[in-house]
Amino acid sequence: MICLTLSGNTLSSCLDEIRQNREYIDMAELRLDLLDPEEQLKAASFPEQAGIPLILTMRRKEDGGRCTLSEKERRQILLSALDGDFSYIDIEEDIKRNEVEDKAREKGVRIIRSFHDFSGIPDDIYSRIYRLSERGDVAKAAVTPHSIHDLLKLFRIADELKDVPKIIIGMGDWGIPIRILYRKAGSLLTFACSGEAVAPGQVSAKDLKLLYRADRVDERTGIYGIIGNPVLHTSSPLIHNLGFHAINYNAIYLPFLVDNVRIFFALAEYLRMRGFSVTIPFKDSVLMYLGNISREVKQIGACNTVVRMPGMWKGMNTDYYGFLNPILKDIESGRIHNALVIGAGGASQAIVWALRNRGVKVTILNRTLTRAEKLARLNICEYDTLDNASKYEGKVDLVVQTTSVGLYPDFDISPIDFHFTGKEIAYDIIYKPRMTKFLRDAEAAGCTLHYGEEMLLDQGKLQFELFTGYHYPKDAAPGL
């Protein structure tokens, strides 16, 4: 089930949230602690007005809520609200049995027994969830993973506590995969927001229902994703999930924030993932975990696509194709003879190789000269430091920006101090924001521009074919 956490301070605004999200949700959570005091006293009338199953919650400040009342005052408000027909009530782990629980049980309201940990994941989380389940109908653990290892630990709860009714929430950026793949974690439901997240890491109800189709995940669902750090800005889920939906392919694609590639591969095995995309900074470091690599990966030295094969993982690279496709006609017509490539990271490796493979003369500019030299020697091209960018003004046909400079929070920074003459083609592989400082400078000089979304979409369509065996559907048009 997808449960909408209501964030309004009045019952009326909460009803509006339900109406706006009704097609995306199965139930909602009424947070009394977010309501104005006078609205809390009217909460018993809300279930009849809402018309969907509801969880009654009054979260204390120490548990991430806003309630600062005494426990006696909090109990009185909850008792009053229980005059309404709520389906569930959330009672915290440390609360001993009292009149609130007794009234809930008399009325047939299911108890969610919960605990929250905003600092991490307790070492005894498995036994703790089990003990909670013995005291209530449903055990709820809302914890804060800080690594891919923590995320793997949360997913394993599904096997460790297979028959225990439970709700597993991973808070923060590391926990987003658990919120989306909640059914794989054996969780009864996942909490969603309608706009601004009420709890750290919440995903919107609309995205859970329409983009990810999280409530349809089953044993046959193919799991795909993208790994990186950072990665949550990615538009790749939009490309792949819309493609899956268009061809009725039972699969889901989601982002994984990663800090350790080896442990991610353990998670990929546990989830039986069928493939994943690779972005900064792991295009090199995934190579040692692959049983087979394509010719392009061997020559480029970087991998952006991993697919499960019988008994092994295979690495491929679609970056080179995605990058080349928008400028191929300019290369073939002779407009592009030489290029300046800014950066010497994983994406740069594919781009330099693609340009050299097409006979374009390339000079690599990088802050660390030794890295630029290494890449230049592999591809038989020139190299220099970023500080010398002005030496190449008016001497190149194409300038390619491959670094992360221009991403949040560097929106107003360009990686080079470069005076465009207007004859250059300027190409930035960053796609969020669409117009970086680098591209704004080039546009002001009258240059032809190419955007990161072009490369992203073209390489993503090729990835889709490698993942599924099908061509990307023409009627799927992601608006990046």
Foldseek 3Di string as FASTA:
>chain_A
DEEEEQQDQALVSSLVLCVVCVVLDQYYEDALLNHDPVRLLVLQPNCVSNVHAYEYEHDDVVQVGRDPDDPVVVLVSLVSNLNHDHQEYEDEQPDDDDPSVVSCVVNNRFYEYEGEAEPFADPCNLVVQVVSLVVTVEYEYEGEHDALLRVLVQLCSCVSVVPGAYAYAYFAPQGLVCLLQVVSSVHPYHYAYCPDDSTHNHHHSCCSCPLFVSVPDDPPAAEEEEEEVVDPVDPLSLQQSLLCVVVVNRYGYYYHYHDDLVSVVVVCVVSVHFKYFYDPPCQQVCVVQFPEEDPLCVLLNGFGIWGDDVPGIYTYHLLLVLVCPVCVVCLVVPLFAEEEEEDQHRSVSSPLQSCVVSNHAYEYEYQDQVSSVVSCVSSVHHYDYLQCQQVCEPPGAEYEYEDPQCPPPNQQDDSHDYQHQQNHEYEYLDVVPFQGNSNVNNVVNNHHYHTNVSSVNSSSQVSSCVSPVDGRDPPRDRDD
